[in-house]
Protein backbone atom coordinates (compact mmCIF):
# COMPACT_ATOMS: atom_id res chain seq x y z
CA MET A 1 9.80 21.60 140.81
CA LYS A 2 12.00 18.52 140.39
CA LEU A 3 12.50 18.12 136.67
CA ALA A 4 13.88 14.61 137.10
CA ASN A 5 10.35 13.48 138.14
CA LEU A 6 8.61 14.71 135.00
CA LEU A 7 8.69 11.25 133.36
CA VAL A 8 6.00 8.77 134.44
CA ASN A 9 5.84 5.04 133.79
CA ASP A 10 2.10 4.43 134.30
CA PRO A 11 0.35 4.43 130.87
CA GLU A 12 -3.07 4.72 132.57
CA ILE A 13 -2.28 7.73 134.76
CA GLU A 14 -4.97 10.41 134.74
CA THR A 15 -4.22 14.05 135.29
CA THR A 16 -5.32 15.96 138.36
CA ASN A 17 -7.38 19.14 138.37
CA SER A 18 -4.25 21.10 139.29
CA GLN A 19 -2.23 19.62 136.43
CA ARG A 20 -4.93 20.51 133.93
CA TRP A 21 -5.03 24.12 135.08
CA LEU A 22 -1.23 24.40 135.12
CA TYR A 23 -0.83 22.91 131.66
CA ALA A 24 -3.60 25.18 130.34
CA LEU A 25 -1.82 28.23 131.77
CA GLY A 26 0.99 27.67 129.27
CA ASN A 27 -1.45 28.53 126.49
CA LEU A 28 -1.42 32.11 127.76
CA GLY A 29 2.31 32.27 127.03
CA CYS A 30 1.75 30.80 123.57
CA SER A 31 -1.20 33.03 122.71
CA ILE A 32 -0.01 36.52 123.67
CA PRO A 33 2.93 36.86 121.24
CA TYR A 34 1.25 35.25 118.24
CA GLN A 35 -1.92 37.24 118.72
CA ALA A 36 0.06 40.46 118.97
CA VAL A 37 2.04 39.57 115.85
CA GLY A 38 -1.13 38.69 113.96
CA ALA A 39 -3.25 41.60 115.15
CA VAL A 40 -1.04 44.67 115.49
CA LEU A 41 2.37 44.04 113.91
CA LEU A 42 1.28 45.17 110.42
CA PHE A 43 -0.41 48.21 111.96
CA PHE A 44 2.71 49.03 114.00
CA TYR A 45 5.14 48.81 111.08
CA THR A 46 2.90 50.52 108.50
CA ASP A 47 0.65 53.03 110.26
CA VAL A 48 2.97 53.81 113.21
CA GLN A 49 6.49 53.31 111.78
CA LYS A 50 5.47 54.26 108.19
CA LEU A 51 6.89 51.23 106.39
CA SER A 52 5.47 50.57 102.91
CA PRO A 53 2.47 48.19 103.21
CA LEU A 54 3.76 46.14 100.28
CA TRP A 55 7.14 45.73 102.00
CA ALA A 56 5.45 44.83 105.28
CA ALA A 57 3.15 42.32 103.56
CA ALA A 58 6.16 40.76 101.79
CA VAL A 59 8.01 40.33 105.10
CA MET A 60 4.94 38.76 106.73
CA THR A 61 4.53 36.39 103.78
CA ALA A 62 8.20 35.33 103.94
CA TYR A 63 7.80 34.88 107.70
CA ALA A 64 4.82 32.61 107.14
CA VAL A 65 6.76 30.49 104.64
CA TYR A 66 9.71 30.22 107.04
CA ASN A 67 7.32 29.28 109.83
CA ALA A 68 5.80 26.61 107.62
CA ILE A 69 9.20 25.02 106.96
CA ASN A 70 10.26 25.32 110.58
CA ASN A 71 7.26 23.60 112.13
CA PRO A 72 7.62 20.01 110.84
CA ILE A 73 11.39 20.06 111.34
CA MET A 74 10.97 21.10 114.97
CA GLY A 75 8.19 18.57 115.45
CA TYR A 76 10.38 15.80 114.08
CA VAL A 77 13.30 16.84 116.28
CA SER A 78 11.15 16.85 119.41
CA ASP A 79 9.73 13.41 118.57
CA ARG A 80 13.29 12.05 118.46
CA THR A 81 14.67 13.94 121.47
CA LYS A 82 15.65 11.91 124.52
CA SER A 83 16.64 13.49 127.82
CA ARG A 84 16.12 12.96 131.53
CA TRP A 85 13.31 15.55 131.29
CA GLY A 86 11.58 14.00 128.28
CA ARG A 87 11.11 14.89 124.61
CA ARG A 88 9.20 18.19 124.87
CA ILE A 89 9.82 19.79 128.25
CA PRO A 90 13.50 20.77 127.68
CA PHE A 91 12.49 22.97 124.75
CA ILE A 92 9.96 24.82 126.89
CA LEU A 93 12.34 25.10 129.83
CA PHE A 94 15.30 26.53 127.92
CA GLY A 95 13.55 28.25 125.02
CA THR A 96 10.96 30.38 126.83
CA LEU A 97 13.11 33.34 127.89
CA PRO A 98 14.71 34.03 124.47
CA TYR A 99 11.29 33.50 122.85
CA ALA A 100 9.79 36.26 125.01
CA LEU A 101 12.81 38.53 124.46
CA PHE A 102 12.67 38.35 120.66
CA PHE A 103 8.93 39.05 120.77
CA ALA A 104 9.57 42.28 122.66
CA ALA A 105 12.31 43.22 120.17
CA LEU A 106 9.72 43.37 117.39
CA PHE A 107 8.27 46.54 118.94
CA LEU A 108 11.59 48.14 119.92
CA ALA A 109 12.39 49.32 116.39
CA PRO A 110 14.39 52.58 116.63
CA PHE A 111 13.86 53.57 112.96
CA ASP A 112 11.22 55.58 111.09
CA GLY A 113 10.04 54.28 107.73
CA ALA A 114 9.57 57.80 106.33
CA THR A 115 13.27 58.69 106.75
CA GLN A 116 15.00 55.31 107.34
CA PRO A 117 12.96 52.68 105.49
CA ILE A 118 15.82 50.24 104.82
CA PRO A 119 17.09 50.06 108.46
CA LEU A 120 13.48 49.66 109.60
CA LEU A 121 12.92 46.86 107.08
CA ILE A 122 16.10 45.06 108.21
CA TRP A 123 15.11 45.36 111.88
CA PHE A 124 11.66 44.00 111.05
CA ILE A 125 13.05 40.99 109.17
CA VAL A 126 15.74 40.05 111.71
CA ALA A 127 13.53 40.44 114.79
CA LEU A 128 10.62 38.59 113.21
CA PHE A 129 12.66 35.62 112.03
CA LEU A 130 14.47 35.26 115.36
CA PHE A 131 11.14 35.41 117.16
CA GLU A 132 9.65 32.79 114.86
CA SER A 133 12.57 30.39 115.37
CA LEU A 134 12.12 30.39 119.14
CA ALA A 135 8.33 30.44 118.97
CA THR A 136 8.33 27.25 116.91
CA VAL A 137 10.66 25.54 119.37
CA VAL A 138 8.54 26.38 122.40
CA GLN A 139 5.03 26.10 121.00
CA THR A 140 5.51 22.84 119.07
CA ALA A 141 6.81 21.24 122.26
CA TYR A 142 3.94 22.64 124.33
CA TYR A 143 1.09 21.56 122.07
CA SER A 144 2.67 18.15 121.42
CA LEU A 145 2.26 17.36 125.14
CA LEU A 146 -1.54 17.66 124.90
CA PRO A 147 -2.47 14.25 123.43
CA GLU A 148 0.24 12.54 125.48
CA MET A 149 -0.75 13.97 128.87
CA PHE A 150 -4.51 13.80 128.27
CA SER A 151 -5.50 10.52 126.67
CA LYS A 152 -9.28 10.45 127.23
CA PHE A 153 -11.93 12.53 125.40
CA LYS A 154 -13.30 13.89 128.69
CA GLU A 155 -9.81 14.98 129.78
CA ARG A 156 -9.11 16.57 126.42
CA THR A 157 -12.31 18.55 126.23
CA ASP A 158 -11.92 19.57 129.86
CA VAL A 159 -8.38 20.84 129.39
CA SER A 160 -9.37 22.36 126.04
CA VAL A 161 -11.92 24.57 127.81
CA ARG A 162 -9.25 25.68 130.27
CA MET A 163 -6.66 26.23 127.55
CA ASN A 164 -9.09 28.36 125.64
CA ILE A 165 -9.96 30.40 128.71
CA PHE A 166 -6.28 31.29 128.91
CA MET A 167 -6.17 31.71 125.14
CA THR A 168 -9.02 34.21 125.46
CA VAL A 169 -7.01 36.14 128.02
CA GLY A 170 -4.06 35.92 125.63
CA LEU A 171 -6.23 37.17 122.78
CA LEU A 172 -7.36 40.11 124.87
CA MET A 173 -3.83 40.94 125.95
CA GLY A 174 -2.12 40.19 122.64
CA ALA A 175 -4.69 41.39 120.11
CA ALA A 176 -7.16 43.70 121.84
CA LEU A 177 -4.98 45.64 124.29
CA PRO A 178 -1.62 46.45 122.61
CA ILE A 179 -2.78 49.63 120.86
CA SER A 180 -4.41 50.92 124.05
CA LEU A 181 -1.42 49.90 126.19
CA ALA A 182 0.95 51.52 123.70
CA GLY A 183 -1.05 54.72 124.03
CA LEU A 184 -0.49 54.66 127.78
CA LEU A 185 3.01 53.18 128.08
CA GLY A 186 4.52 53.47 124.61
CA TRP A 187 5.14 50.59 122.23
CA PRO A 188 8.46 49.42 123.81
CA MET A 189 7.05 49.18 127.36
CA MET A 190 3.92 47.47 126.06
CA ALA A 191 6.04 44.80 124.38
CA LEU A 192 8.31 44.28 127.39
CA LEU A 193 5.30 43.91 129.70
CA LEU A 194 3.64 41.33 127.45
CA GLY A 195 6.94 39.50 127.03
CA LEU A 196 7.33 39.24 130.80
CA ILE A 197 3.82 37.81 131.20
CA THR A 198 4.50 35.36 128.36
CA ALA A 199 7.65 34.00 130.00
CA GLY A 200 6.07 33.81 133.46
CA ALA A 201 3.04 31.85 132.25
CA LEU A 202 5.05 29.22 130.38
CA LEU A 203 7.68 28.70 133.06
CA PHE A 204 5.10 28.39 135.83
CA SER A 205 3.02 25.96 133.77
CA LEU A 206 5.97 23.54 133.75
CA ARG A 207 4.96 22.61 137.30
CA GLY A 208 2.00 20.71 135.88
CA MET A 209 3.68 18.99 132.94
CA PHE A 210 4.91 15.43 132.59
CA GLU A 211 5.70 12.94 129.83
CA ARG A 212 5.05 9.24 129.62
CA GLN A 213 8.16 7.07 129.72
CA ALA A 214 6.78 4.72 127.07
CA SER A 215 6.77 7.50 124.48
CA MET A 216 10.55 7.80 124.82
CA ASN A 217 10.99 4.22 123.61
CA ALA A 218 8.77 4.35 120.53
CA PRO A 219 10.39 3.30 117.22
CA GLN A 220 11.64 6.15 115.02
CA VAL A 221 11.28 6.69 111.27
CA PRO A 222 13.26 8.89 108.86
CA LEU A 223 12.09 12.47 108.29
CA GLY A 224 10.99 11.91 104.69
CA GLN A 225 8.92 8.88 105.64
CA ALA A 226 7.36 10.76 108.56
CA VAL A 227 6.39 13.70 106.33
CA LYS A 228 4.92 11.40 103.69
CA ALA A 229 2.89 9.54 106.31
CA THR A 230 1.11 12.74 107.34
CA PHE A 231 0.32 13.84 103.79
CA VAL A 232 -1.26 10.50 102.86
CA ASN A 233 -3.35 10.47 106.05
CA ARG A 234 -6.82 11.53 104.90
CA SER A 235 -7.96 12.31 108.44
CA PHE A 236 -5.04 14.67 108.95
CA VAL A 237 -5.24 16.40 105.57
CA THR A 238 -8.96 17.15 105.77
CA ILE A 239 -8.95 18.38 109.36
CA VAL A 240 -5.86 20.54 108.87
CA ILE A 241 -7.38 22.20 105.80
CA ALA A 242 -10.39 23.11 107.92
CA GLN A 243 -8.14 24.39 110.71
CA THR A 244 -6.13 26.43 108.21
CA MET A 245 -9.28 28.19 107.07
CA ARG A 246 -10.15 28.99 110.68
CA HIS A 247 -6.74 30.57 111.17
CA PHE A 248 -7.11 32.44 107.88
CA ALA A 249 -10.47 33.86 108.96
CA THR A 250 -9.25 34.90 112.40
CA SER A 251 -5.96 36.26 111.01
CA VAL A 252 -7.82 38.48 108.57
CA ALA A 253 -10.19 39.67 111.28
CA ALA A 254 -7.42 40.37 113.80
CA SER A 255 -4.94 42.02 111.43
CA GLY A 256 -7.54 44.15 109.67
CA LEU A 257 -9.61 45.34 112.61
CA ALA A 258 -7.51 48.38 113.53
CA PHE A 259 -7.64 49.53 109.90
CA TYR A 260 -11.37 48.75 109.73
CA THR A 261 -12.25 50.81 112.81
CA LYS A 262 -10.04 53.73 111.74
CA TYR A 263 -10.94 53.96 108.06
CA SER A 264 -14.26 52.13 107.58
CA LEU A 265 -16.02 53.13 110.80
CA GLY A 266 -14.17 56.42 111.22
CA VAL A 267 -13.32 55.97 114.89
CA ASP A 268 -10.15 55.77 116.96
CA PRO A 269 -8.24 52.57 116.00
CA ALA A 270 -7.88 51.87 119.72
CA SER A 271 -11.62 51.10 119.55
CA SER A 272 -10.65 47.86 117.84
CA SER A 273 -9.80 46.71 121.37
CA LEU A 274 -13.50 46.88 122.24
CA ILE A 275 -14.53 44.78 119.25
CA LEU A 276 -11.80 42.18 119.74
CA GLY A 277 -12.49 42.19 123.47
CA ALA A 278 -16.16 41.49 122.80
CA ILE A 279 -15.28 38.60 120.48
CA PHE A 280 -12.92 36.98 122.94
CA ILE A 281 -14.97 37.53 126.09
CA VAL A 282 -18.05 36.06 124.41
CA ALA A 283 -15.91 33.17 123.13
CA ALA A 284 -14.69 32.42 126.67
CA ALA A 285 -18.22 32.57 128.05
CA ALA A 286 -19.51 30.28 125.28
CA LEU A 287 -16.90 27.54 125.77
CA TRP A 288 -18.81 25.71 128.50
CA PRO A 289 -22.17 25.79 126.65
CA TRP A 290 -20.45 24.46 123.52
CA LYS A 291 -18.85 21.65 125.56
CA HIS A 292 -21.97 20.77 127.58
CA PHE A 293 -24.75 21.15 125.03
CA ILE A 294 -23.02 20.38 121.73
CA ALA A 295 -19.60 18.66 122.05
CA ASN A 296 -20.90 16.17 124.63
CA ARG A 297 -23.87 15.28 122.38
CA PHE A 298 -22.36 15.36 118.91
CA GLU A 299 -19.13 14.10 117.38
CA PRO A 300 -16.21 16.48 116.89
CA ARG A 301 -16.85 16.77 113.14
CA THR A 302 -20.49 17.76 113.64
CA THR A 303 -19.53 20.28 116.29
CA LEU A 304 -16.98 21.86 113.97
CA LEU A 305 -19.44 22.01 111.07
CA MET A 306 -21.86 23.99 113.25
CA ALA A 307 -19.13 26.36 114.38
CA TYR A 308 -17.79 27.02 110.88
CA ALA A 309 -21.27 27.67 109.52
CA LEU A 310 -21.90 30.25 112.21
CA MET A 311 -18.47 31.85 111.70
CA GLY A 312 -19.03 32.21 107.96
CA LEU A 313 -22.40 33.89 108.47
CA SER A 314 -21.13 36.18 111.23
CA THR A 315 -18.49 37.93 109.10
CA ILE A 316 -20.92 39.26 106.48
CA PRO A 317 -22.52 41.95 108.72
CA LEU A 318 -19.08 43.55 109.14
CA PHE A 319 -19.40 44.72 105.54
CA LEU A 320 -22.70 46.44 106.35
CA ALA A 321 -21.88 47.92 109.77
CA HIS A 322 -21.44 51.69 109.89
CA SER A 323 -21.14 52.21 113.63
CA MET A 324 -19.37 50.74 116.64
CA LEU A 325 -22.70 49.41 117.89
CA GLY A 326 -23.22 47.41 114.70
CA ALA A 327 -19.67 46.08 114.80
CA LEU A 328 -20.03 45.08 118.47
CA ALA A 329 -23.29 43.23 117.72
CA THR A 330 -21.49 41.28 115.00
CA ALA A 331 -18.63 40.58 117.40
CA VAL A 332 -20.98 38.73 119.75
CA ILE A 333 -21.98 36.28 116.99
CA MET A 334 -18.36 35.83 115.96
CA GLY A 335 -17.39 35.12 119.55
CA ILE A 336 -20.00 32.37 119.86
CA ALA A 337 -18.74 30.76 116.65
CA LEU A 338 -15.10 31.11 117.68
CA ALA A 339 -15.76 29.24 120.94
CA GLY A 340 -16.77 26.11 119.04
CA LEU A 341 -13.72 26.30 116.77
CA LEU A 342 -11.33 26.80 119.68
CA LEU A 343 -12.85 24.01 121.74
CA MET A 344 -12.54 21.32 119.10
CA GLY A 345 -9.35 22.32 117.25
CA ASP A 346 -6.71 20.43 119.24
CA VAL A 347 -9.19 17.71 120.24
CA THR A 348 -9.71 16.64 116.63
CA LEU A 349 -5.98 16.67 115.87
CA SER A 350 -5.43 14.54 118.96
CA ASP A 351 -7.92 12.04 117.53
CA VAL A 352 -5.89 11.94 114.32
CA ILE A 353 -2.71 11.25 116.32
CA ASP A 354 -4.49 8.43 118.17
CA GLU A 355 -5.54 6.90 114.85
CA ASP A 356 -1.95 7.09 113.64
CA GLU A 357 -0.73 5.27 116.75
CA VAL A 358 -3.24 2.49 116.19
CA LYS A 359 -2.00 2.11 112.60
CA THR A 360 1.76 2.48 113.15
CA GLY A 361 2.47 1.85 116.83
CA GLN A 362 4.22 5.25 117.07
CA ARG A 363 3.43 8.42 119.02
CA ARG A 364 4.29 11.25 116.63
CA GLU A 365 2.61 14.24 118.27
CA GLY A 366 5.48 16.54 117.37
CA MET A 367 5.40 15.61 113.70
CA TYR A 368 1.64 16.01 113.40
CA PHE A 369 1.53 19.31 115.26
CA GLY A 370 4.56 20.44 113.26
CA MET A 371 2.99 19.53 109.92
CA SER A 372 -0.24 21.12 111.09
CA GLY A 373 1.74 24.26 111.84
CA LEU A 374 3.32 24.11 108.37
CA ILE A 375 -0.02 24.05 106.59
CA ILE A 376 -1.83 26.41 108.97
CA THR A 377 0.96 28.95 108.61
CA LEU A 378 0.02 29.27 104.96
CA ALA A 379 -3.15 30.92 106.24
CA TYR A 380 -1.08 33.80 107.59
CA ALA A 381 0.83 34.06 104.33
CA LEU A 382 -2.46 34.14 102.43
CA SER A 383 -3.85 36.72 104.84
CA SER A 384 -0.78 38.93 104.31
CA ILE A 385 -1.03 38.60 100.53
CA VAL A 386 -4.73 39.48 100.58
CA PHE A 387 -3.99 42.46 102.86
CA GLY A 388 -1.30 43.79 100.55
CA TRP A 389 -3.47 43.31 97.47
CA ILE A 390 -6.69 44.82 98.82
CA SER A 391 -5.09 47.70 100.74
CA THR A 392 -3.07 48.93 97.76
CA SER A 393 -5.86 48.21 95.25
CA TYR A 394 -8.16 50.51 97.18
CA GLY A 395 -5.56 53.25 97.54
CA TYR A 396 -4.19 52.84 101.08
CA ASN A 397 -0.88 54.69 101.52
CA PRO A 398 0.42 55.26 105.08
CA LEU A 399 2.43 58.29 103.95
CA LEU A 400 -0.73 60.20 102.99
CA ALA A 401 -2.15 62.55 105.60
CA THR A 402 -5.68 61.76 104.36
CA GLN A 403 -6.62 58.46 102.78
CA PRO A 404 -8.92 58.33 99.71
CA GLU A 405 -12.56 57.35 100.29
CA SER A 406 -12.02 54.02 98.54
CA VAL A 407 -9.89 52.82 101.49
CA ALA A 408 -13.00 52.50 103.68
CA LEU A 409 -14.60 50.11 101.19
CA GLY A 410 -11.38 48.16 100.80
CA PHE A 411 -11.14 47.34 104.49
CA ARG A 412 -14.84 46.43 104.61
CA ILE A 413 -14.20 43.88 101.89
CA PHE A 414 -11.04 42.64 103.59
CA MET A 415 -12.87 42.05 106.90
CA SER A 416 -15.88 40.21 105.50
CA ILE A 417 -15.49 38.39 102.18
CA PRO A 418 -12.21 36.45 102.73
CA PRO A 419 -13.24 35.07 106.18
CA ALA A 420 -16.62 33.98 104.82
CA ALA A 421 -14.95 32.21 101.90
CA GLY A 422 -12.51 30.51 104.29
CA SER A 423 -15.33 29.22 106.47
CA LEU A 424 -17.10 27.76 103.43
CA LEU A 425 -13.94 25.95 102.32
CA ALA A 426 -13.52 24.55 105.86
CA ILE A 427 -17.05 23.13 105.75
CA LEU A 428 -16.37 21.48 102.39
CA SER A 429 -13.17 19.92 103.75
CA LEU A 430 -14.89 18.58 106.87
CA LEU A 431 -17.43 16.75 104.73
CA PHE A 432 -14.55 14.47 103.68
CA TYR A 433 -13.13 14.02 107.21
CA PRO A 434 -13.40 10.24 107.82
CA LEU A 435 -12.71 10.01 111.57
CA SER A 436 -16.30 9.84 112.81
CA GLY A 437 -19.00 7.31 113.63
CA LYS A 438 -17.89 3.69 113.81
CA ARG A 439 -14.38 4.50 112.64
CA LEU A 440 -13.76 6.90 115.52
CA LYS A 441 -15.15 4.41 118.05
CA ALA A 442 -12.94 1.65 116.62
CA VAL A 443 -9.83 3.83 117.03
CA LYS A 444 -10.68 4.60 120.66
CA THR A 445 -11.29 0.92 121.43
CA ALA A 446 -8.04 -0.19 119.78
CA LEU A 447 -6.10 2.50 121.61
CA GLU A 448 -7.45 1.39 124.99
CA GLN A 449 -6.43 -2.18 124.20
CA ARG A 450 -2.97 -1.03 123.17
CA LYS A 451 -2.50 0.74 126.49
CA GLN A 452 -2.80 -2.58 128.23
CA LYS A 453 0.44 -3.50 126.44
CA PRO A 454 2.67 -0.42 126.76
CA LEU A 455 5.74 -0.05 124.60
CA PRO A 456 8.88 -1.62 126.11
């Protein structure tokens, strides 16, 4: 790969089939670590390493706040970066290896919370914050390339399907398999293996990436003005609230599932891999039907409304399920709903970025994805707070050999009520999303006209 050729001058260039697959592959490297952190990190530090759940929840909340601050700053920096490789690609090229290394370090903790709680807590904090710093660098750069490389709706939905196929693989590997892999290989080897796959996917995907030369010459604005511009953008605010609720619902489901299977269903927590696997495999299989039968016939907002409605309804049966069979049946419905949410998430944000370019003449993908990351990260903080509150309220204590009966009810509530409430709030937010109908068509028309006069 010749990095010097990753800048292109043609504003009308369309991506090839190979470039779409290669770019999408990078989503595997973005998905694995974050899914593992969201799905099994709390379980690892509390149930395996015996750290206090309140301490663990506090660390995860602080991590989410730090992530929120980090995202817009990194997005702003990448928007203003100029190099012979572009604005985004250098961060992926040089940040990937340390990003994968710090992810693995999270599961290499040499301390036991029962006898060495303070050293374990310090290891947890340091490893998590170092991981987050590098993750923000790499992932903000990666996702910011999406609207720049793929300018047409057909391209975006096409690459979105491919990205979400790899995301599904990442979900399986990062959320569904770690507990099972740790049982076979041990937690350290599991983490090192997933870190190696993460780095390989992102570095190989660079072969399909490019940036448009015109974006390097766009006018720049101060950080404060850039932040303000996103918060007064109604299209951005409403869509990012909806996306935040999606991440809240999936974060609750992923982080609570091992506890739910162990304490509410009374089965081996490794069985959570089967439920998560069912969700993600069904989601991957449902991507094409969502694209062909719904996204190609309805606007993005309508498609998202359908998906959120189905997601909200699908979480309720988890409260009622008393067997793996019932949980697996619910997982199928959740997977179908998740496919619609995954398909349209980055597509709608790309539409918002297009609208901003029409209004301002600037391409600020990094800032918008960074601010999106800031707000969405609050979902993980909220999920951690709810986990700490419900788990302790219902008597969960990892130091007890046998948990009280109330713990089973607590994790049923955690897995069902908060995700349903989040889906309802997302629907309410989308009702105020203005980028649809004539307004959306006008933005697309104006953007095509602008491309005929590329930035100098």
